[in-house]
Structure formats: C-alpha cells, structure tokens
Amino acid sequence: SSCFNVANLSLCGIPFLSGFYSKDLILESVF
C-alpha cells in the first residue's frame, strides 16, 4: 500500500517524486 501511494502520488505530479519533474516541465512549456 505504501508503494501504491508512491506510484499514485507520482502520477499526480506531487513534488519531489519522479512524475513531478517531467510533468511540471511539460506544464510550464505549454504556458
């Protein structure tokens, strides 16, 4: 369950998880 939460939060783009770094850059580039 802990690992499941890590993957879910990374999918959301929560800061300092792996999904945050890529999705945040794409979001800023869109603007």
PDB file of all heavy atoms in Angstrom:
ATOM      1  N   SER A   1       0.820  -1.209   0.000  1.00  0.00           N
ATOM      2  CA  SER A   1       0.000   0.000   0.000  1.00  0.00           C
ATOM      3  C   SER A   1       0.853   1.258   0.000  1.00  0.00           C
ATOM      4  O   SER A   1       0.517   2.252  -0.655  1.00  0.00           O
ATOM      5  CB  SER A   1      -0.931   0.002   1.217  1.00  0.00           C
ATOM      6  OG  SER A   1      -1.817  -1.088   1.176  1.00  0.00           O
ATOM      7  N   SER A   2       1.961   1.229   0.707  1.00  0.00           N
ATOM      8  CA  SER A   2       2.870   2.388   0.706  1.00  0.00           C
ATOM      9  C   SER A   2       3.448   2.621  -0.683  1.00  0.00           C
ATOM     10  O   SER A   2       3.496   3.764  -1.173  1.00  0.00           O
ATOM     11  CB  SER A   2       3.988   2.169   1.724  1.00  0.00           C
ATOM     12  OG  SER A   2       3.469   1.981   3.022  1.00  0.00           O
ATOM     13  N   CYS A   3       3.886   1.539  -1.327  1.00  0.00           N
ATOM     14  CA  CYS A   3       4.419   1.678  -2.689  1.00  0.00           C
ATOM     15  C   CYS A   3       3.326   2.107  -3.671  1.00  0.00           C
ATOM     16  O   CYS A   3       3.590   2.855  -4.620  1.00  0.00           O
ATOM     17  CB  CYS A   3       5.054   0.363  -3.127  1.00  0.00           C
ATOM     18  SG  CYS A   3       6.442  -0.176  -2.105  1.00  0.00           S
ATOM     19  N   PHE A   4       2.106   1.633  -3.440  1.00  0.00           N
ATOM     20  CA  PHE A   4       0.970   2.026  -4.272  1.00  0.00           C
ATOM     21  C   PHE A   4       0.722   3.531  -4.160  1.00  0.00           C
ATOM     22  O   PHE A   4       0.455   4.210  -5.162  1.00  0.00           O
ATOM     23  CB  PHE A   4      -0.262   1.231  -3.835  1.00  0.00           C
ATOM     24  CG  PHE A   4      -1.485   1.465  -4.664  1.00  0.00           C
ATOM     25  CD1 PHE A   4      -1.653   0.832  -5.879  1.00  0.00           C
ATOM     26  CD2 PHE A   4      -2.481   2.318  -4.220  1.00  0.00           C
ATOM     27  CE1 PHE A   4      -2.791   1.041  -6.643  1.00  0.00           C
ATOM     28  CE2 PHE A   4      -3.618   2.541  -4.973  1.00  0.00           C
ATOM     29  CZ  PHE A   4      -3.770   1.892  -6.196  1.00  0.00           C
ATOM     30  N   ASN A   5       0.816   4.062  -2.947  1.00  0.00           N
ATOM     31  CA  ASN A   5       0.645   5.507  -2.751  1.00  0.00           C
ATOM     32  C   ASN A   5       1.767   6.297  -3.408  1.00  0.00           C
ATOM     33  O   ASN A   5       1.541   7.389  -3.952  1.00  0.00           O
ATOM     34  CB  ASN A   5       0.581   5.831  -1.260  1.00  0.00           C
ATOM     35  CG  ASN A   5      -0.769   5.493  -0.668  1.00  0.00           C
ATOM     36  OD1 ASN A   5      -1.785   5.568  -1.349  1.00  0.00           O
ATOM     37  ND2 ASN A   5      -0.793   5.097   0.592  1.00  0.00           N
ATOM     38  N   VAL A   6       2.985   5.757  -3.364  1.00  0.00           N
ATOM     39  CA  VAL A   6       4.112   6.430  -4.024  1.00  0.00           C
ATOM     40  C   VAL A   6       3.861   6.550  -5.524  1.00  0.00           C
ATOM     41  O   VAL A   6       4.047   7.611  -6.134  1.00  0.00           O
ATOM     42  CB  VAL A   6       5.421   5.672  -3.738  1.00  0.00           C
ATOM     43  CG1 VAL A   6       6.543   6.173  -4.644  1.00  0.00           C
ATOM     44  CG2 VAL A   6       5.824   5.834  -2.281  1.00  0.00           C
ATOM     45  N   ALA A   7       3.419   5.435  -6.139  1.00  0.00           N
ATOM     46  CA  ALA A   7       3.153   5.465  -7.578  1.00  0.00           C
ATOM     47  C   ALA A   7       1.983   6.388  -7.913  1.00  0.00           C
ATOM     48  O   ALA A   7       2.021   7.126  -8.906  1.00  0.00           O
ATOM     49  CB  ALA A   7       2.868   4.047  -8.073  1.00  0.00           C
ATOM     50  N   ASN A   8       0.946   6.371  -7.089  1.00  0.00           N
ATOM     51  CA  ASN A   8      -0.211   7.225  -7.336  1.00  0.00           C
ATOM     52  C   ASN A   8       0.138   8.710  -7.222  1.00  0.00           C
ATOM     53  O   ASN A   8      -0.264   9.529  -8.056  1.00  0.00           O
ATOM     54  CB  ASN A   8      -1.331   6.877  -6.348  1.00  0.00           C
ATOM     55  CG  ASN A   8      -2.458   6.117  -6.999  1.00  0.00           C
ATOM     56  OD1 ASN A   8      -2.607   6.134  -8.212  1.00  0.00           O
ATOM     57  ND2 ASN A   8      -3.257   5.450  -6.202  1.00  0.00           N
ATOM     58  N   LEU A   9       0.878   9.052  -6.185  1.00  0.00           N
ATOM     59  CA  LEU A   9       1.265  10.452  -5.997  1.00  0.00           C
ATOM     60  C   LEU A   9       2.229  10.914  -7.087  1.00  0.00           C
ATOM     61  O   LEU A   9       2.201  12.070  -7.512  1.00  0.00           O
ATOM     62  CB  LEU A   9       1.886  10.641  -4.611  1.00  0.00           C
ATOM     63  CG  LEU A   9       0.941  10.406  -3.416  1.00  0.00           C
ATOM     64  CD1 LEU A   9       1.701  10.537  -2.103  1.00  0.00           C
ATOM     65  CD2 LEU A   9      -0.227  11.378  -3.456  1.00  0.00           C
ATOM     66  N   SER A  10       3.076  10.005  -7.543  1.00  0.00           N
ATOM     67  CA  SER A  10       3.967  10.350  -8.647  1.00  0.00           C
ATOM     68  C   SER A  10       3.181  10.581  -9.929  1.00  0.00           C
ATOM     69  O   SER A  10       3.513  11.468 -10.726  1.00  0.00           O
ATOM     70  CB  SER A  10       4.993   9.234  -8.845  1.00  0.00           C
ATOM     71  OG  SER A  10       5.891   9.547  -9.876  1.00  0.00           O
ATOM     72  N   LEU A  11       2.110   9.807 -10.124  1.00  0.00           N
ATOM     73  CA  LEU A  11       1.246  10.012 -11.288  1.00  0.00           C
ATOM     74  C   LEU A  11       0.560  11.375 -11.239  1.00  0.00           C
ATOM     75  O   LEU A  11       0.369  12.024 -12.268  1.00  0.00           O
ATOM     76  CB  LEU A  11       0.213   8.882 -11.346  1.00  0.00           C
ATOM     77  CG  LEU A  11      -0.862   8.950 -12.427  1.00  0.00           C
ATOM     78  CD1 LEU A  11      -0.228   8.929 -13.808  1.00  0.00           C
ATOM     79  CD2 LEU A  11      -1.843   7.799 -12.282  1.00  0.00           C
ATOM     80  N   CYS A  12       0.196  11.801 -10.034  1.00  0.00           N
ATOM     81  CA  CYS A  12      -0.432  13.127  -9.869  1.00  0.00           C
ATOM     82  C   CYS A  12       0.545  14.268 -10.122  1.00  0.00           C
ATOM     83  O   CYS A  12       0.124  15.380 -10.456  1.00  0.00           O
ATOM     84  CB  CYS A  12      -0.971  13.276  -8.448  1.00  0.00           C
ATOM     85  SG  CYS A  12      -2.540  12.489  -8.226  1.00  0.00           S
ATOM     86  N   GLY A  13       1.827  14.021  -9.937  1.00  0.00           N
ATOM     87  CA  GLY A  13       2.807  15.089 -10.050  1.00  0.00           C
ATOM     88  C   GLY A  13       3.088  15.785  -8.745  1.00  0.00           C
ATOM     89  O   GLY A  13       3.409  16.980  -8.724  1.00  0.00           O
ATOM     90  N   ILE A  14       2.973  15.047  -7.637  1.00  0.00           N
ATOM     91  CA  ILE A  14       3.297  15.615  -6.326  1.00  0.00           C
ATOM     92  C   ILE A  14       4.787  15.927  -6.265  1.00  0.00           C
ATOM     93  O   ILE A  14       5.610  15.130  -6.731  1.00  0.00           O
ATOM     94  CB  ILE A  14       2.892  14.632  -5.205  1.00  0.00           C
ATOM     95  CG1 ILE A  14       1.383  14.390  -5.245  1.00  0.00           C
ATOM     96  CG2 ILE A  14       3.291  15.157  -3.846  1.00  0.00           C
ATOM     97  CD1 ILE A  14       0.532  15.624  -5.067  1.00  0.00           C
ATOM     98  N   PRO A  15       5.176  17.070  -5.733  1.00  0.00           N
ATOM     99  CA  PRO A  15       6.591  17.474  -5.762  1.00  0.00           C
ATOM    100  C   PRO A  15       7.534  16.452  -5.162  1.00  0.00           C
ATOM    101  O   PRO A  15       7.205  15.751  -4.201  1.00  0.00           O
ATOM    102  CB  PRO A  15       6.600  18.783  -4.967  1.00  0.00           C
ATOM    103  CG  PRO A  15       5.231  19.337  -5.165  1.00  0.00           C
ATOM    104  CD  PRO A  15       4.315  18.151  -5.221  1.00  0.00           C
ATOM    105  N   PHE A  16       8.712  16.377  -5.789  1.00  0.00           N
ATOM    106  CA  PHE A  16       9.870  15.581  -5.390  1.00  0.00           C
ATOM    107  C   PHE A  16       9.689  14.091  -5.633  1.00  0.00           C
ATOM    108  O   PHE A  16      10.527  13.302  -5.220  1.00  0.00           O
ATOM    109  CB  PHE A  16      10.253  15.836  -3.926  1.00  0.00           C
ATOM    110  CG  PHE A  16      10.375  17.287  -3.599  1.00  0.00           C
ATOM    111  CD1 PHE A  16       9.519  17.894  -2.712  1.00  0.00           C
ATOM    112  CD2 PHE A  16      11.324  18.073  -4.223  1.00  0.00           C
ATOM    113  CE1 PHE A  16       9.620  19.235  -2.422  1.00  0.00           C
ATOM    114  CE2 PHE A  16      11.437  19.419  -3.949  1.00  0.00           C
ATOM    115  CZ  PHE A  16      10.579  20.006  -3.049  1.00  0.00           C
ATOM    116  N   LEU A  17       8.640  13.683  -6.321  1.00  0.00           N
ATOM    117  CA  LEU A  17       8.542  12.330  -6.846  1.00  0.00           C
ATOM    118  C   LEU A  17       8.847  12.378  -8.340  1.00  0.00           C
ATOM    119  O   LEU A  17       8.911  13.442  -8.960  1.00  0.00           O
ATOM    120  CB  LEU A  17       7.163  11.739  -6.578  1.00  0.00           C
ATOM    121  CG  LEU A  17       6.843  11.482  -5.101  1.00  0.00           C
ATOM    122  CD1 LEU A  17       5.425  10.982  -4.932  1.00  0.00           C
ATOM    123  CD2 LEU A  17       7.818  10.487  -4.483  1.00  0.00           C
ATOM    124  N   SER A  18       9.033  11.204  -8.956  1.00  0.00           N
ATOM    125  CA  SER A  18       9.568  11.168 -10.320  1.00  0.00           C
ATOM    126  C   SER A  18       8.633  11.832 -11.333  1.00  0.00           C
ATOM    127  O   SER A  18       9.090  12.497 -12.262  1.00  0.00           O
ATOM    128  CB  SER A  18       9.840   9.718 -10.727  1.00  0.00           C
ATOM    129  OG  SER A  18       8.654   8.953 -10.650  1.00  0.00           O
ATOM    130  N   GLY A  19       7.318  11.660 -11.166  1.00  0.00           N
ATOM    131  CA  GLY A  19       6.405  12.260 -12.121  1.00  0.00           C
ATOM    132  C   GLY A  19       6.361  13.766 -12.066  1.00  0.00           C
ATOM    133  O   GLY A  19       5.985  14.413 -13.056  1.00  0.00           O
ATOM    134  N   PHE A  20       6.753  14.344 -10.931  1.00  0.00           N
ATOM    135  CA  PHE A  20       6.688  15.802 -10.785  1.00  0.00           C
ATOM    136  C   PHE A  20       7.652  16.498 -11.726  1.00  0.00           C
ATOM    137  O   PHE A  20       7.310  17.516 -12.361  1.00  0.00           O
ATOM    138  CB  PHE A  20       6.993  16.179  -9.328  1.00  0.00           C
ATOM    139  CG  PHE A  20       7.363  17.620  -9.128  1.00  0.00           C
ATOM    140  CD1 PHE A  20       6.407  18.610  -9.190  1.00  0.00           C
ATOM    141  CD2 PHE A  20       8.683  17.981  -8.889  1.00  0.00           C
ATOM    142  CE1 PHE A  20       6.756  19.938  -9.009  1.00  0.00           C
ATOM    143  CE2 PHE A  20       9.036  19.297  -8.705  1.00  0.00           C
ATOM    144  CZ  PHE A  20       8.065  20.281  -8.767  1.00  0.00           C
ATOM    145  N   TYR A  21       8.869  15.983 -11.859  1.00  0.00           N
ATOM    146  CA  TYR A  21       9.906  16.676 -12.620  1.00  0.00           C
ATOM    147  C   TYR A  21       9.549  16.761 -14.102  1.00  0.00           C
ATOM    148  O   TYR A  21       9.760  17.797 -14.745  1.00  0.00           O
ATOM    149  CB  TYR A  21      11.243  15.950 -12.435  1.00  0.00           C
ATOM    150  CG  TYR A  21      11.766  16.014 -11.026  1.00  0.00           C
ATOM    151  CD1 TYR A  21      11.517  14.989 -10.123  1.00  0.00           C
ATOM    152  CD2 TYR A  21      12.500  17.108 -10.590  1.00  0.00           C
ATOM    153  CE1 TYR A  21      11.987  15.047  -8.822  1.00  0.00           C
ATOM    154  CE2 TYR A  21      12.981  17.184  -9.291  1.00  0.00           C
ATOM    155  CZ  TYR A  21      12.709  16.152  -8.415  1.00  0.00           C
ATOM    156  OH  TYR A  21      13.169  16.208  -7.118  1.00  0.00           O
ATOM    157  N   SER A  22       9.001  15.684 -14.655  1.00  0.00           N
ATOM    158  CA  SER A  22       8.681  15.697 -16.082  1.00  0.00           C
ATOM    159  C   SER A  22       7.368  16.421 -16.365  1.00  0.00           C
ATOM    160  O   SER A  22       7.279  17.233 -17.294  1.00  0.00           O
ATOM    161  CB  SER A  22       8.624  14.258 -16.611  1.00  0.00           C
ATOM    162  OG  SER A  22       7.706  13.483 -15.867  1.00  0.00           O
ATOM    163  N   LYS A  23       6.325  16.156 -15.574  1.00  0.00           N
ATOM    164  CA  LYS A  23       5.025  16.781 -15.838  1.00  0.00           C
ATOM    165  C   LYS A  23       5.066  18.280 -15.590  1.00  0.00           C
ATOM    166  O   LYS A  23       4.411  19.061 -16.289  1.00  0.00           O
ATOM    167  CB  LYS A  23       3.943  16.134 -14.977  1.00  0.00           C
ATOM    168  CG  LYS A  23       3.614  14.713 -15.368  1.00  0.00           C
ATOM    169  CD  LYS A  23       2.456  14.154 -14.584  1.00  0.00           C
ATOM    170  CE  LYS A  23       1.153  14.766 -14.996  1.00  0.00           C
ATOM    171  NZ  LYS A  23      -0.002  14.132 -14.355  1.00  0.00           N
ATOM    172  N   ASP A  24       5.825  18.714 -14.593  1.00  0.00           N
ATOM    173  CA  ASP A  24       5.909  20.142 -14.306  1.00  0.00           C
ATOM    174  C   ASP A  24       6.603  20.889 -15.438  1.00  0.00           C
ATOM    175  O   ASP A  24       6.193  21.994 -15.818  1.00  0.00           O
ATOM    176  CB  ASP A  24       6.653  20.350 -12.979  1.00  0.00           C
ATOM    177  CG  ASP A  24       6.605  21.792 -12.516  1.00  0.00           C
ATOM    178  OD1 ASP A  24       5.493  22.268 -12.222  1.00  0.00           O
ATOM    179  OD2 ASP A  24       7.655  22.441 -12.463  1.00  0.00           O
ATOM    180  N   LEU A  25       7.650  20.278 -16.016  1.00  0.00           N
ATOM    181  CA  LEU A  25       8.324  20.915 -17.144  1.00  0.00           C
ATOM    182  C   LEU A  25       7.405  21.007 -18.364  1.00  0.00           C
ATOM    183  O   LEU A  25       7.385  22.021 -19.075  1.00  0.00           O
ATOM    184  CB  LEU A  25       9.587  20.128 -17.497  1.00  0.00           C
ATOM    185  CG  LEU A  25      10.801  20.342 -16.595  1.00  0.00           C
ATOM    186  CD1 LEU A  25      11.932  19.425 -17.021  1.00  0.00           C
ATOM    187  CD2 LEU A  25      11.263  21.782 -16.631  1.00  0.00           C
ATOM    188  N   ILE A  26       6.644  19.948 -18.620  1.00  0.00           N
ATOM    189  CA  ILE A  26       5.723  19.978 -19.747  1.00  0.00           C
ATOM    190  C   ILE A  26       4.633  21.022 -19.523  1.00  0.00           C
ATOM    191  O   ILE A  26       4.246  21.761 -20.447  1.00  0.00           O
ATOM    192  CB  ILE A  26       5.116  18.574 -19.969  1.00  0.00           C
ATOM    193  CG1 ILE A  26       6.210  17.595 -20.410  1.00  0.00           C
ATOM    194  CG2 ILE A  26       3.997  18.621 -20.995  1.00  0.00           C
ATOM    195  CD1 ILE A  26       5.735  16.169 -20.541  1.00  0.00           C
ATOM    196  N   LEU A  27       4.137  21.117 -18.286  1.00  0.00           N
ATOM    197  CA  LEU A  27       3.087  22.094 -17.975  1.00  0.00           C
ATOM    198  C   LEU A  27       3.582  23.523 -18.165  1.00  0.00           C
ATOM    199  O   LEU A  27       2.891  24.372 -18.750  1.00  0.00           O
ATOM    200  CB  LEU A  27       2.598  21.878 -16.543  1.00  0.00           C
ATOM    201  CG  LEU A  27       1.387  22.684 -16.084  1.00  0.00           C
ATOM    202  CD1 LEU A  27       0.176  22.332 -16.924  1.00  0.00           C
ATOM    203  CD2 LEU A  27       1.108  22.439 -14.603  1.00  0.00           C
ATOM    204  N   GLU A  28       4.800  23.814 -17.714  1.00  0.00           N
ATOM    205  CA  GLU A  28       5.350  25.155 -17.897  1.00  0.00           C
ATOM    206  C   GLU A  28       5.628  25.457 -19.362  1.00  0.00           C
ATOM    207  O   GLU A  28       5.468  26.599 -19.813  1.00  0.00           O
ATOM    208  CB  GLU A  28       6.626  25.304 -17.067  1.00  0.00           C
ATOM    209  CG  GLU A  28       6.379  25.299 -15.563  1.00  0.00           C
ATOM    210  CD  GLU A  28       7.663  25.424 -14.772  1.00  0.00           C
ATOM    211  OE1 GLU A  28       8.738  25.450 -15.411  1.00  0.00           O
ATOM    212  OE2 GLU A  28       7.603  25.481 -13.528  1.00  0.00           O
ATOM    213  N   SER A  29       6.038  24.407 -20.126  1.00  0.00           N
ATOM    214  CA  SER A  29       6.288  24.623 -21.555  1.00  0.00           C
ATOM    215  C   SER A  29       5.007  24.932 -22.308  1.00  0.00           C
ATOM    216  O   SER A  29       5.014  25.702 -23.274  1.00  0.00           O
ATOM    217  CB  SER A  29       6.969  23.386 -22.155  1.00  0.00           C
ATOM    218  OG  SER A  29       8.192  23.117 -21.515  1.00  0.00           O
ATOM    219  N   VAL A  30       3.905  24.322 -21.875  1.00  0.00           N
ATOM    220  CA  VAL A  30       2.626  24.596 -22.526  1.00  0.00           C
ATOM    221  C   VAL A  30       2.241  26.062 -22.367  1.00  0.00           C
ATOM    222  O   VAL A  30       1.717  26.702 -23.289  1.00  0.00           O
ATOM    223  CB  VAL A  30       1.535  23.655 -21.958  1.00  0.00           C
ATOM    224  CG1 VAL A  30       0.141  24.119 -22.358  1.00  0.00           C
ATOM    225  CG2 VAL A  30       1.757  22.240 -22.442  1.00  0.00           C
ATOM    226  N   PHE A  31       2.513  26.628 -21.192  1.00  0.00           N
ATOM    227  CA  PHE A  31       2.151  28.023 -20.958  1.00  0.00           C
ATOM    228  C   PHE A  31       2.966  28.990 -21.820  1.00  0.00           C
ATOM    229  O   PHE A  31       2.524  30.116 -22.074  1.00  0.00           O
ATOM    230  CB  PHE A  31       2.339  28.375 -19.484  1.00  0.00           C
ATOM    231  CG  PHE A  31       1.346  27.692 -18.584  1.00  0.00           C
ATOM    232  CD1 PHE A  31       1.740  27.115 -17.388  1.00  0.00           C
ATOM    233  CD2 PHE A  31       0.012  27.622 -18.931  1.00  0.00           C
ATOM    234  CE1 PHE A  31       0.832  26.497 -16.555  1.00  0.00           C
ATOM    235  CE2 PHE A  31      -0.908  26.993 -18.114  1.00  0.00           C
ATOM    236  CZ  PHE A  31      -0.501  26.433 -16.929  1.00  0.00           C
TER     237      PHE A  31
END
